[in-house]
Amino acid sequence: MLNINTSKKGTTLTVRLEGKLDRNTAESAEERINSEISGMDKLIVDLEKLEYISSAGLRVLVTLRMKMSEHQSMSIKNVQPSVRSVFDLTGLTRYLI
């Protein structure tokens, strides 16, 4: 299960993910974030309460990074050690964080 909380301040969208970002939740998470990202210049993804991420979840973050890198910015913060180890193992730490 994944809970997604969003807040907007000006042209900054903050997304807080709680639970598991995996093949069961990735598609709906991506749809939800994409539905709110229009017109935003900055995306902040807070992973403080994300317990688990799979390759499907990584795909969501990489896709968002690519989308935001054209003219906007994206940052990921509060990455938990278990999620950070997945970033490290896949070589995505430098790209995502």
PDB file of N, CA and C in Angstrom:
ATOM      1  N   MET A   1       0.835  -1.174   0.000  1.00  0.00           N
ATOM      2  CA  MET A   1       0.000   0.000   0.000  1.00  0.00           C
ATOM      3  C   MET A   1       0.886   1.247   0.000  1.00  0.00           C
ATOM      4  N   LEU A   2       0.434   2.269  -0.707  1.00  0.00           N
ATOM      5  CA  LEU A   2       1.175   3.515  -0.802  1.00  0.00           C
ATOM      6  C   LEU A   2       0.233   4.683  -0.559  1.00  0.00           C
ATOM      7  N   ASN A   3       0.627   5.555   0.352  1.00  0.00           N
ATOM      8  CA  ASN A   3      -0.098   6.800   0.572  1.00  0.00           C
ATOM      9  C   ASN A   3       0.692   7.915  -0.085  1.00  0.00           C
ATOM     10  N   ILE A   4      -0.010   8.782  -0.787  1.00  0.00           N
ATOM     11  CA  ILE A   4       0.615   9.909  -1.459  1.00  0.00           C
ATOM     12  C   ILE A   4      -0.028  11.186  -0.938  1.00  0.00           C
ATOM     13  N   ASN A   5       0.788  12.041  -0.364  1.00  0.00           N
ATOM     14  CA  ASN A   5       0.320  13.344   0.096  1.00  0.00           C
ATOM     15  C   ASN A   5       1.046  14.409  -0.707  1.00  0.00           C
ATOM     16  N   THR A   6       0.293  15.361  -1.227  1.00  0.00           N
ATOM     17  CA  THR A   6       0.897  16.424  -2.019  1.00  0.00           C
ATOM     18  C   THR A   6       0.530  17.779  -1.446  1.00  0.00           C
ATOM     19  N   SER A   7       1.413  18.725  -1.675  1.00  0.00           N
ATOM     20  CA  SER A   7       1.128  20.113  -1.323  1.00  0.00           C
ATOM     21  C   SER A   7       1.811  21.010  -2.342  1.00  0.00           C
ATOM     22  N   LYS A   8       1.168  22.133  -2.610  1.00  0.00           N
ATOM     23  CA  LYS A   8       1.710  23.095  -3.569  1.00  0.00           C
ATOM     24  C   LYS A   8       1.957  24.409  -2.855  1.00  0.00           C
ATOM     25  N   LYS A   9       3.097  24.995  -3.168  1.00  0.00           N
ATOM     26  CA  LYS A   9       3.424  26.329  -2.674  1.00  0.00           C
ATOM     27  C   LYS A   9       4.018  27.085  -3.856  1.00  0.00           C
ATOM     28  N   GLY A  10       3.254  28.008  -4.393  1.00  0.00           N
ATOM     29  CA  GLY A  10       3.687  28.698  -5.603  1.00  0.00           C
ATOM     30  C   GLY A  10       3.787  27.704  -6.740  1.00  0.00           C
ATOM     31  N   THR A  11       4.975  27.621  -7.336  1.00  0.00           N
ATOM     32  CA  THR A  11       5.189  26.670  -8.436  1.00  0.00           C
ATOM     33  C   THR A  11       6.018  25.463  -7.995  1.00  0.00           C
ATOM     34  N   THR A  12       5.966  25.167  -6.690  1.00  0.00           N
ATOM     35  CA  THR A  12       6.662  23.996  -6.148  1.00  0.00           C
ATOM     36  C   THR A  12       5.640  22.973  -5.686  1.00  0.00           C
ATOM     37  N   LEU A  13       5.795  21.747  -6.180  1.00  0.00           N
ATOM     38  CA  LEU A  13       4.956  20.630  -5.759  1.00  0.00           C
ATOM     39  C   LEU A  13       5.791  19.720  -4.866  1.00  0.00           C
ATOM     40  N   THR A  14       5.308  19.464  -3.661  1.00  0.00           N
ATOM     41  CA  THR A  14       5.963  18.525  -2.758  1.00  0.00           C
ATOM     42  C   THR A  14       5.104  17.272  -2.678  1.00  0.00           C
ATOM     43  N   VAL A  15       5.747  16.125  -2.900  1.00  0.00           N
ATOM     44  CA  VAL A  15       5.076  14.832  -2.871  1.00  0.00           C
ATOM     45  C   VAL A  15       5.707  14.013  -1.750  1.00  0.00           C
ATOM     46  N   ARG A  16       4.882  13.555  -0.819  1.00  0.00           N
ATOM     47  CA  ARG A  16       5.356  12.701   0.274  1.00  0.00           C
ATOM     48  C   ARG A  16       4.808  11.292   0.055  1.00  0.00           C
ATOM     49  N   LEU A  17       5.731  10.339  -0.059  1.00  0.00           N
ATOM     50  CA  LEU A  17       5.349   8.947  -0.291  1.00  0.00           C
ATOM     51  C   LEU A  17       5.511   8.162   0.993  1.00  0.00           C
ATOM     52  N   GLU A  18       4.495   7.363   1.324  1.00  0.00           N
ATOM     53  CA  GLU A  18       4.512   6.575   2.551  1.00  0.00           C
ATOM     54  C   GLU A  18       4.066   5.156   2.237  1.00  0.00           C
ATOM     55  N   GLY A  19       4.915   4.186   2.570  1.00  0.00           N
ATOM     56  CA  GLY A  19       4.569   2.783   2.334  1.00  0.00           C
ATOM     57  C   GLY A  19       5.512   2.145   1.333  1.00  0.00           C
ATOM     58  N   LYS A  20       4.920   1.505   0.313  1.00  0.00           N
ATOM     59  CA  LYS A  20       5.707   0.771  -0.675  1.00  0.00           C
ATOM     60  C   LYS A  20       5.412   1.282  -2.079  1.00  0.00           C
ATOM     61  N   LEU A  21       6.485   1.617  -2.798  1.00  0.00           N
ATOM     62  CA  LEU A  21       6.374   2.017  -4.197  1.00  0.00           C
ATOM     63  C   LEU A  21       6.891   0.840  -5.017  1.00  0.00           C
ATOM     64  N   ASP A  22       5.944   0.022  -5.477  1.00  0.00           N
ATOM     65  CA  ASP A  22       6.305  -1.206  -6.179  1.00  0.00           C
ATOM     66  C   ASP A  22       5.396  -1.400  -7.393  1.00  0.00           C
ATOM     67  N   ARG A  23       5.428  -2.577  -7.980  1.00  0.00           N
ATOM     68  CA  ARG A  23       4.655  -2.816  -9.201  1.00  0.00           C
ATOM     69  C   ARG A  23       3.154  -2.654  -8.980  1.00  0.00           C
ATOM     70  N   ASN A  24       2.695  -2.825  -7.765  1.00  0.00           N
ATOM     71  CA  ASN A  24       1.268  -2.678  -7.472  1.00  0.00           C
ATOM     72  C   ASN A  24       0.830  -1.222  -7.318  1.00  0.00           C
ATOM     73  N   THR A  25       1.769  -0.352  -6.997  1.00  0.00           N
ATOM     74  CA  THR A  25       1.414   1.039  -6.721  1.00  0.00           C
ATOM     75  C   THR A  25       2.046   2.040  -7.683  1.00  0.00           C
ATOM     76  N   ALA A  26       3.009   1.613  -8.466  1.00  0.00           N
ATOM     77  CA  ALA A  26       3.781   2.534  -9.310  1.00  0.00           C
ATOM     78  C   ALA A  26       2.923   3.269 -10.334  1.00  0.00           C
ATOM     79  N   GLU A  27       2.066   2.563 -11.026  1.00  0.00           N
ATOM     80  CA  GLU A  27       1.268   3.192 -12.077  1.00  0.00           C
ATOM     81  C   GLU A  27       0.348   4.274 -11.510  1.00  0.00           C
ATOM     82  N   SER A  28      -0.344   3.962 -10.427  1.00  0.00           N
ATOM     83  CA  SER A  28      -1.254   4.952  -9.849  1.00  0.00           C
ATOM     84  C   SER A  28      -0.470   6.132  -9.261  1.00  0.00           C
ATOM     85  N   ALA A  29       0.705   5.873  -8.699  1.00  0.00           N
ATOM     86  CA  ALA A  29       1.531   6.956  -8.165  1.00  0.00           C
ATOM     87  C   ALA A  29       1.974   7.890  -9.286  1.00  0.00           C
ATOM     88  N   GLU A  30       2.419   7.308 -10.382  1.00  0.00           N
ATOM     89  CA  GLU A  30       2.869   8.116 -11.513  1.00  0.00           C
ATOM     90  C   GLU A  30       1.715   8.951 -12.078  1.00  0.00           C
ATOM     91  N   GLU A  31       0.556   8.344 -12.206  1.00  0.00           N
ATOM     92  CA  GLU A  31      -0.617   9.069 -12.710  1.00  0.00           C
ATOM     93  C   GLU A  31      -0.987  10.219 -11.779  1.00  0.00           C
ATOM     94  N   ARG A  32      -0.974   9.961 -10.495  1.00  0.00           N
ATOM     95  CA  ARG A  32      -1.340  10.991  -9.509  1.00  0.00           C
ATOM     96  C   ARG A  32      -0.370  12.161  -9.556  1.00  0.00           C
ATOM     97  N   ILE A  33       0.921  11.865  -9.563  1.00  0.00           N
ATOM     98  CA  ILE A  33       1.922  12.935  -9.570  1.00  0.00           C
ATOM     99  C   ILE A  33       1.850  13.712 -10.887  1.00  0.00           C
ATOM    100  N   ASN A  34       1.733  13.005 -12.000  1.00  0.00           N
ATOM    101  CA  ASN A  34       1.639  13.675 -13.298  1.00  0.00           C
ATOM    102  C   ASN A  34       0.413  14.570 -13.387  1.00  0.00           C
ATOM    103  N   SER A  35      -0.668  14.182 -12.727  1.00  0.00           N
ATOM    104  CA  SER A  35      -1.884  14.995 -12.774  1.00  0.00           C
ATOM    105  C   SER A  35      -1.725  16.317 -12.018  1.00  0.00           C
ATOM    106  N   GLU A  36      -0.765  16.374 -11.099  1.00  0.00           N
ATOM    107  CA  GLU A  36      -0.580  17.579 -10.289  1.00  0.00           C
ATOM    108  C   GLU A  36       0.655  18.386 -10.675  1.00  0.00           C
ATOM    109  N   ILE A  37       1.467  17.869 -11.581  1.00  0.00           N
ATOM    110  CA  ILE A  37       2.754  18.493 -11.878  1.00  0.00           C
ATOM    111  C   ILE A  37       2.664  19.620 -12.917  1.00  0.00           C
ATOM    112  N   SER A  38       1.575  19.676 -13.627  1.00  0.00           N
ATOM    113  CA  SER A  38       1.422  20.685 -14.676  1.00  0.00           C
ATOM    114  C   SER A  38       1.569  22.098 -14.108  1.00  0.00           C
ATOM    115  N   GLY A  39       2.407  22.894 -14.747  1.00  0.00           N
ATOM    116  CA  GLY A  39       2.615  24.266 -14.319  1.00  0.00           C
ATOM    117  C   GLY A  39       3.601  24.439 -13.182  1.00  0.00           C
ATOM    118  N   MET A  40       4.154  23.354 -12.678  1.00  0.00           N
ATOM    119  CA  MET A  40       5.099  23.428 -11.565  1.00  0.00           C
ATOM    120  C   MET A  40       6.530  23.564 -12.100  1.00  0.00           C
ATOM    121  N   ASP A  41       7.335  24.379 -11.426  1.00  0.00           N
ATOM    122  CA  ASP A  41       8.740  24.548 -11.805  1.00  0.00           C
ATOM    123  C   ASP A  41       9.667  23.660 -10.987  1.00  0.00           C
ATOM    124  N   LYS A  42       9.187  23.218  -9.833  1.00  0.00           N
ATOM    125  CA  LYS A  42      10.027  22.403  -8.957  1.00  0.00           C
ATOM    126  C   LYS A  42       9.193  21.288  -8.348  1.00  0.00           C
ATOM    127  N   LEU A  43       9.799  20.102  -8.319  1.00  0.00           N
ATOM    128  CA  LEU A  43       9.189  18.932  -7.694  1.00  0.00           C
ATOM    129  C   LEU A  43      10.104  18.461  -6.577  1.00  0.00           C
ATOM    130  N   ILE A  44       9.547  18.341  -5.383  1.00  0.00           N
ATOM    131  CA  ILE A  44      10.274  17.783  -4.241  1.00  0.00           C
ATOM    132  C   ILE A  44       9.589  16.470  -3.877  1.00  0.00           C
ATOM    133  N   VAL A  45      10.362  15.393  -3.849  1.00  0.00           N
ATOM    134  CA  VAL A  45       9.835  14.083  -3.483  1.00  0.00           C
ATOM    135  C   VAL A  45      10.436  13.713  -2.134  1.00  0.00           C
ATOM    136  N   ASP A  46       9.589  13.621  -1.132  1.00  0.00           N
ATOM    137  CA  ASP A  46      10.014  13.316   0.233  1.00  0.00           C
ATOM    138  C   ASP A  46       9.778  11.830   0.492  1.00  0.00           C
ATOM    139  N   LEU A  47      10.868  11.113   0.748  1.00  0.00           N
ATOM    140  CA  LEU A  47      10.793   9.658   0.938  1.00  0.00           C
ATOM    141  C   LEU A  47      10.986   9.249   2.396  1.00  0.00           C
ATOM    142  N   GLU A  48      10.747  10.178   3.311  1.00  0.00           N
ATOM    143  CA  GLU A  48      10.965   9.895   4.730  1.00  0.00           C
ATOM    144  C   GLU A  48      10.208   8.660   5.214  1.00  0.00           C
ATOM    145  N   LYS A  49       9.006   8.450   4.700  1.00  0.00           N
ATOM    146  CA  LYS A  49       8.189   7.335   5.167  1.00  0.00           C
ATOM    147  C   LYS A  49       8.029   6.235   4.120  1.00  0.00           C
ATOM    148  N   LEU A  50       8.863   6.280   3.073  1.00  0.00           N
ATOM    149  CA  LEU A  50       8.831   5.208   2.083  1.00  0.00           C
ATOM    150  C   LEU A  50       9.646   4.033   2.612  1.00  0.00           C
ATOM    151  N   GLU A  51       9.006   2.882   2.761  1.00  0.00           N
ATOM    152  CA  GLU A  51       9.643   1.706   3.356  1.00  0.00           C
ATOM    153  C   GLU A  51      10.339   0.824   2.327  1.00  0.00           C
ATOM    154  N   TYR A  52       9.828   0.844   1.099  1.00  0.00           N
ATOM    155  CA  TYR A  52      10.313  -0.099   0.095  1.00  0.00           C
ATOM    156  C   TYR A  52      10.137   0.504  -1.288  1.00  0.00           C
ATOM    157  N   ILE A  53      11.094   0.234  -2.177  1.00  0.00           N
ATOM    158  CA  ILE A  53      10.968   0.633  -3.572  1.00  0.00           C
ATOM    159  C   ILE A  53      11.464  -0.505  -4.456  1.00  0.00           C
ATOM    160  N   SER A  54      10.705  -0.811  -5.491  1.00  0.00           N
ATOM    161  CA  SER A  54      11.087  -1.857  -6.445  1.00  0.00           C
ATOM    162  C   SER A  54      11.573  -1.198  -7.733  1.00  0.00           C
ATOM    163  N   SER A  55      11.909  -2.010  -8.715  1.00  0.00           N
ATOM    164  CA  SER A  55      12.342  -1.465 -10.001  1.00  0.00           C
ATOM    165  C   SER A  55      11.223  -0.648 -10.652  1.00  0.00           C
ATOM    166  N   ALA A  56       9.982  -1.034 -10.436  1.00  0.00           N
ATOM    167  CA  ALA A  56       8.860  -0.261 -10.976  1.00  0.00           C
ATOM    168  C   ALA A  56       8.802   1.116 -10.319  1.00  0.00           C
ATOM    169  N   GLY A  57       9.092   1.176  -9.044  1.00  0.00           N
ATOM    170  CA  GLY A  57       9.134   2.455  -8.339  1.00  0.00           C
ATOM    171  C   GLY A  57      10.299   3.317  -8.799  1.00  0.00           C
ATOM    172  N   LEU A  58      11.439   2.681  -9.033  1.00  0.00           N
ATOM    173  CA  LEU A  58      12.591   3.409  -9.569  1.00  0.00           C
ATOM    174  C   LEU A  58      12.256   4.008 -10.931  1.00  0.00           C
ATOM    175  N   ARG A  59      11.540   3.256 -11.744  1.00  0.00           N
ATOM    176  CA  ARG A  59      11.138   3.746 -13.068  1.00  0.00           C
ATOM    177  C   ARG A  59      10.313   5.014 -12.939  1.00  0.00           C
ATOM    178  N   VAL A  60       9.412   5.049 -11.962  1.00  0.00           N
ATOM    179  CA  VAL A  60       8.592   6.240 -11.734  1.00  0.00           C
ATOM    180  C   VAL A  60       9.483   7.438 -11.430  1.00  0.00           C
ATOM    181  N   LEU A  61      10.448   7.267 -10.531  1.00  0.00           N
ATOM    182  CA  LEU A  61      11.321   8.379 -10.160  1.00  0.00           C
ATOM    183  C   LEU A  61      12.211   8.822 -11.311  1.00  0.00           C
ATOM    184  N   VAL A  62      12.726   7.870 -12.073  1.00  0.00           N
ATOM    185  CA  VAL A  62      13.571   8.207 -13.220  1.00  0.00           C
ATOM    186  C   VAL A  62      12.756   8.944 -14.283  1.00  0.00           C
ATOM    187  N   THR A  63      11.537   8.480 -14.525  1.00  0.00           N
ATOM    188  CA  THR A  63      10.661   9.146 -15.501  1.00  0.00           C
ATOM    189  C   THR A  63      10.346  10.571 -15.062  1.00  0.00           C
ATOM    190  N   LEU A  64      10.060  10.755 -13.788  1.00  0.00           N
ATOM    191  CA  LEU A  64       9.807  12.102 -13.271  1.00  0.00           C
ATOM    192  C   LEU A  64      11.042  12.980 -13.407  1.00  0.00           C
ATOM    193  N   ARG A  65      12.208  12.427 -13.112  1.00  0.00           N
ATOM    194  CA  ARG A  65      13.471  13.180 -13.237  1.00  0.00           C
ATOM    195  C   ARG A  65      13.656  13.636 -14.682  1.00  0.00           C
ATOM    196  N   MET A  66      13.427  12.742 -15.629  1.00  0.00           N
ATOM    197  CA  MET A  66      13.580  13.098 -17.041  1.00  0.00           C
ATOM    198  C   MET A  66      12.584  14.183 -17.431  1.00  0.00           C
ATOM    199  N   LYS A  67      11.362  14.040 -16.983  1.00  0.00           N
ATOM    200  CA  LYS A  67      10.317  15.017 -17.296  1.00  0.00           C
ATOM    201  C   LYS A  67      10.666  16.393 -16.722  1.00  0.00           C
ATOM    202  N   MET A  68      11.151  16.435 -15.500  1.00  0.00           N
ATOM    203  CA  MET A  68      11.438  17.699 -14.841  1.00  0.00           C
ATOM    204  C   MET A  68      12.773  18.298 -15.275  1.00  0.00           C
ATOM    205  N   SER A  69      13.660  17.524 -15.847  1.00  0.00           N
ATOM    206  CA  SER A  69      14.992  18.035 -16.171  1.00  0.00           C
ATOM    207  C   SER A  69      15.004  18.957 -17.381  1.00  0.00           C
ATOM    208  N   GLU A  70      13.953  18.976 -18.166  1.00  0.00           N
ATOM    209  CA  GLU A  70      13.940  19.816 -19.352  1.00  0.00           C
ATOM    210  C   GLU A  70      14.029  21.293 -18.993  1.00  0.00           C
ATOM    211  N   HIS A  71      13.137  21.802 -18.166  1.00  0.00           N
ATOM    212  CA  HIS A  71      13.138  23.219 -17.815  1.00  0.00           C
ATOM    213  C   HIS A  71      12.862  23.454 -16.341  1.00  0.00           C
ATOM    214  N   GLN A  72      12.633  22.395 -15.599  1.00  0.00           N
ATOM    215  CA  GLN A  72      12.315  22.529 -14.196  1.00  0.00           C
ATOM    216  C   GLN A  72      13.351  21.761 -13.376  1.00  0.00           C
ATOM    217  N   SER A  73      13.099  21.635 -12.078  1.00  0.00           N
ATOM    218  CA  SER A  73      14.026  20.882 -11.231  1.00  0.00           C
ATOM    219  C   SER A  73      13.270  19.900 -10.361  1.00  0.00           C
ATOM    220  N   MET A  74      13.990  18.883  -9.926  1.00  0.00           N
ATOM    221  CA  MET A  74      13.432  17.852  -9.049  1.00  0.00           C
ATOM    222  C   MET A  74      14.468  17.511  -8.000  1.00  0.00           C
ATOM    223  N   SER A  75      14.026  17.379  -6.769  1.00  0.00           N
ATOM    224  CA  SER A  75      14.924  16.922  -5.711  1.00  0.00           C
ATOM    225  C   SER A  75      14.225  15.841  -4.892  1.00  0.00           C
ATOM    226  N   ILE A  76      15.047  14.939  -4.399  1.00  0.00           N
ATOM    227  CA  ILE A  76      14.552  13.865  -3.538  1.00  0.00           C
ATOM    228  C   ILE A  76      15.216  14.051  -2.183  1.00  0.00           C
ATOM    229  N   LYS A  77      14.406  13.999  -1.130  1.00  0.00           N
ATOM    230  CA  LYS A  77      14.970  14.215   0.204  1.00  0.00           C
ATOM    231  C   LYS A  77      14.485  13.154   1.183  1.00  0.00           C
ATOM    232  N   ASN A  78      15.174  13.083   2.311  1.00  0.00           N
ATOM    233  CA  ASN A  78      14.834  12.179   3.416  1.00  0.00           C
ATOM    234  C   ASN A  78      14.760  10.713   2.989  1.00  0.00           C
ATOM    235  N   VAL A  79      15.746  10.273   2.235  1.00  0.00           N
ATOM    236  CA  VAL A  79      15.772   8.890   1.758  1.00  0.00           C
ATOM    237  C   VAL A  79      16.195   7.965   2.894  1.00  0.00           C
ATOM    238  N   GLN A  80      15.360   6.994   3.183  1.00  0.00           N
ATOM    239  CA  GLN A  80      15.641   6.020   4.232  1.00  0.00           C
ATOM    240  C   GLN A  80      16.752   5.055   3.789  1.00  0.00           C
ATOM    241  N   PRO A  81      17.513   4.502   4.736  1.00  0.00           N
ATOM    242  CA  PRO A  81      18.625   3.617   4.388  1.00  0.00           C
ATOM    243  C   PRO A  81      18.237   2.437   3.491  1.00  0.00           C
ATOM    244  N   SER A  82      17.079   1.833   3.730  1.00  0.00           N
ATOM    245  CA  SER A  82      16.685   0.684   2.909  1.00  0.00           C
ATOM    246  C   SER A  82      16.423   1.091   1.464  1.00  0.00           C
ATOM    247  N   VAL A  83      15.870   2.273   1.266  1.00  0.00           N
ATOM    248  CA  VAL A  83      15.619   2.777  -0.087  1.00  0.00           C
ATOM    249  C   VAL A  83      16.927   3.263  -0.697  1.00  0.00           C
ATOM    250  N   ARG A  84      17.751   3.908   0.097  1.00  0.00           N
ATOM    251  CA  ARG A  84      19.055   4.395  -0.385  1.00  0.00           C
ATOM    252  C   ARG A  84      19.909   3.239  -0.886  1.00  0.00           C
ATOM    253  N   SER A  85      19.839   2.093  -0.222  1.00  0.00           N
ATOM    254  CA  SER A  85      20.645   0.946  -0.657  1.00  0.00           C
ATOM    255  C   SER A  85      20.206   0.465  -2.040  1.00  0.00           C
ATOM    256  N   VAL A  86      18.928   0.564  -2.350  1.00  0.00           N
ATOM    257  CA  VAL A  86      18.442   0.202  -3.690  1.00  0.00           C
ATOM    258  C   VAL A  86      18.982   1.198  -4.709  1.00  0.00           C
ATOM    259  N   PHE A  87      18.966   2.491  -4.368  1.00  0.00           N
ATOM    260  CA  PHE A  87      19.546   3.507  -5.258  1.00  0.00           C
ATOM    261  C   PHE A  87      21.021   3.200  -5.500  1.00  0.00           C
ATOM    262  N   ASP A  88      21.743   2.871  -4.423  1.00  0.00           N
ATOM    263  CA  ASP A  88      23.172   2.577  -4.533  1.00  0.00           C
ATOM    264  C   ASP A  88      23.427   1.342  -5.391  1.00  0.00           C
ATOM    265  N   LEU A  89      22.664   0.278  -5.152  1.00  0.00           N
ATOM    266  CA  LEU A  89      22.855  -0.968  -5.904  1.00  0.00           C
ATOM    267  C   LEU A  89      22.595  -0.816  -7.394  1.00  0.00           C
ATOM    268  N   THR A  90      21.673   0.049  -7.740  1.00  0.00           N
ATOM    269  CA  THR A  90      21.320   0.235  -9.147  1.00  0.00           C
ATOM    270  C   THR A  90      22.146   1.321  -9.822  1.00  0.00           C
ATOM    271  N   GLY A  91      22.955   2.026  -9.055  1.00  0.00           N
ATOM    272  CA  GLY A  91      23.761   3.104  -9.616  1.00  0.00           C
ATOM    273  C   GLY A  91      22.975   4.381  -9.854  1.00  0.00           C
ATOM    274  N   LEU A  92      21.801   4.503  -9.289  1.00  0.00           N
ATOM    275  CA  LEU A  92      20.959   5.676  -9.516  1.00  0.00           C
ATOM    276  C   LEU A  92      21.112   6.760  -8.460  1.00  0.00           C
ATOM    277  N   THR A  93      21.957   6.538  -7.486  1.00  0.00           N
ATOM    278  CA  THR A  93      22.110   7.516  -6.410  1.00  0.00           C
ATOM    279  C   THR A  93      22.515   8.883  -6.947  1.00  0.00           C
ATOM    280  N   ARG A  94      23.522   8.932  -7.791  1.00  0.00           N
ATOM    281  CA  ARG A  94      23.986  10.211  -8.330  1.00  0.00           C
ATOM    282  C   ARG A  94      22.949  10.882  -9.217  1.00  0.00           C
ATOM    283  N   TYR A  95      22.174  10.083  -9.911  1.00  0.00           N
ATOM    284  CA  TYR A  95      21.169  10.615 -10.826  1.00  0.00           C
ATOM    285  C   TYR A  95      19.950  11.136 -10.090  1.00  0.00           C
ATOM    286  N   LEU A  96      19.543  10.435  -9.040  1.00  0.00           N
ATOM    287  CA  LEU A  96      18.301  10.778  -8.360  1.00  0.00           C
ATOM    288  C   LEU A  96      18.473  11.699  -7.153  1.00  0.00           C
ATOM    289  N   ILE A  97      19.590  11.571  -6.470  1.00  0.00           N
ATOM    290  CA  ILE A  97      19.744  12.340  -5.223  1.00  0.00           C
ATOM    291  C   ILE A  97      20.758  13.471  -5.420  1.00  0.00           C
TER     292      ILE A  97
END
